[in-house]
Amino acid sequence: MLIDIIKSLNKEEKRFFKIFSKRTLDNQERKDLILFDEISKSGELINEKELFKKLNLDKKNNFYQLKNRLYKEINKSMLIQHHQ
């Protein structure tokens, strides 16, 4: 579901999300933004093992928590963007 949502975002929505995400932390190594970029760039299939390596995750549960956080952040971003 997260993959479908990210793939359906237009260029303006993706840009707004990235700006929205960096509003509090300007850390270049944010794992949620790395995951967002990897999903945006990839095709339909995503290799979770490769993502584990790129994100330096040690447990599968951490990956699911990260995906959940990204999902919530995208929802917040979309609400704010389209409410204005």
Protein backbone atom coordinates (compact mmCIF):
# COMPACT_ATOMS: atom_id res chain seq x y z
CA MET A 1 0.00 0.00 0.00
CA LEU A 2 2.83 2.41 0.84
CA ILE A 3 4.46 1.70 -2.51
CA ASP A 4 1.22 2.47 -4.35
CA ILE A 5 0.81 5.74 -2.49
CA ILE A 6 4.36 6.89 -3.21
CA LYS A 7 4.07 5.90 -6.87
CA SER A 8 0.81 7.88 -7.19
CA LEU A 9 2.31 11.13 -5.89
CA ASN A 10 2.98 13.78 -8.50
CA LYS A 11 6.20 15.78 -8.67
CA GLU A 12 4.82 18.67 -6.62
CA GLU A 13 3.55 16.37 -3.86
CA LYS A 14 6.91 14.59 -3.62
CA ARG A 15 8.71 17.92 -3.39
CA PHE A 16 6.33 19.16 -0.70
CA PHE A 17 6.79 15.95 1.28
CA LYS A 18 10.57 16.30 1.26
CA ILE A 19 10.36 19.92 2.41
CA PHE A 20 7.78 18.96 5.04
CA SER A 21 9.97 16.11 6.28
CA LYS A 22 12.99 18.32 6.76
CA ARG A 23 11.08 20.89 8.81
CA THR A 24 12.48 19.68 12.14
CA LEU A 25 15.59 17.66 11.40
CA ASP A 26 18.01 18.50 8.65
CA ASN A 27 19.94 15.27 8.99
CA GLN A 28 21.10 13.91 5.62
CA GLU A 29 20.86 10.30 6.81
CA ARG A 30 17.16 10.13 7.63
CA LYS A 31 16.12 6.56 7.00
CA ASP A 32 12.54 7.44 6.17
CA LEU A 33 13.67 9.78 3.39
CA ILE A 34 16.09 7.18 2.08
CA LEU A 35 13.24 4.66 1.97
CA PHE A 36 11.00 7.22 0.24
CA ASP A 37 13.66 7.89 -2.41
CA GLU A 38 14.33 4.20 -2.99
CA ILE A 39 10.63 3.45 -3.46
CA SER A 40 10.22 6.47 -5.75
CA LYS A 41 13.14 5.41 -7.95
CA SER A 42 12.39 1.69 -8.05
CA GLY A 43 10.05 -0.18 -10.31
CA GLU A 44 7.14 -2.25 -9.10
CA LEU A 45 9.31 -4.75 -7.22
CA ILE A 46 11.42 -3.73 -4.26
CA ASN A 47 14.17 -5.92 -2.89
CA GLU A 48 13.77 -5.72 0.90
CA LYS A 49 17.18 -7.30 1.53
CA GLU A 50 18.87 -4.50 -0.42
CA LEU A 51 16.89 -1.91 1.50
CA PHE A 52 17.95 -3.51 4.80
CA LYS A 53 21.58 -3.03 3.79
CA LYS A 54 21.09 0.57 2.62
CA LEU A 55 19.16 1.49 5.76
CA ASN A 56 21.43 -0.42 8.17
CA LEU A 57 18.52 -2.18 9.82
CA ASP A 58 19.13 -5.23 11.93
CA LYS A 59 15.57 -6.44 12.55
CA LYS A 60 12.61 -6.87 10.27
CA ASN A 61 10.41 -5.18 12.85
CA ASN A 62 12.49 -2.00 12.48
CA PHE A 63 11.75 -2.01 8.77
CA TYR A 64 8.01 -2.27 9.37
CA GLN A 65 8.15 0.54 11.93
CA LEU A 66 10.04 2.69 9.44
CA LYS A 67 7.46 1.99 6.73
CA ASN A 68 4.67 2.85 9.16
CA ARG A 69 6.35 6.13 10.12
CA LEU A 70 6.83 7.03 6.47
CA TYR A 71 3.18 6.28 5.76
CA LYS A 72 2.06 8.58 8.59
CA GLU A 73 4.41 11.36 7.49
CA ILE A 74 3.12 11.19 3.92
CA ASN A 75 -0.44 11.41 5.19
CA LYS A 76 0.36 14.48 7.32
CA SER A 77 2.13 16.10 4.42
CA MET A 78 -0.77 15.51 2.04
CA LEU A 79 -3.29 16.85 4.53
CA ILE A 80 -1.33 20.05 5.05
CA GLN A 81 -0.57 20.54 1.38
CA HIS A 82 -4.13 20.10 0.17
CA HIS A 83 -5.72 21.92 3.07
CA GLN A 84 -4.00 25.20 2.21
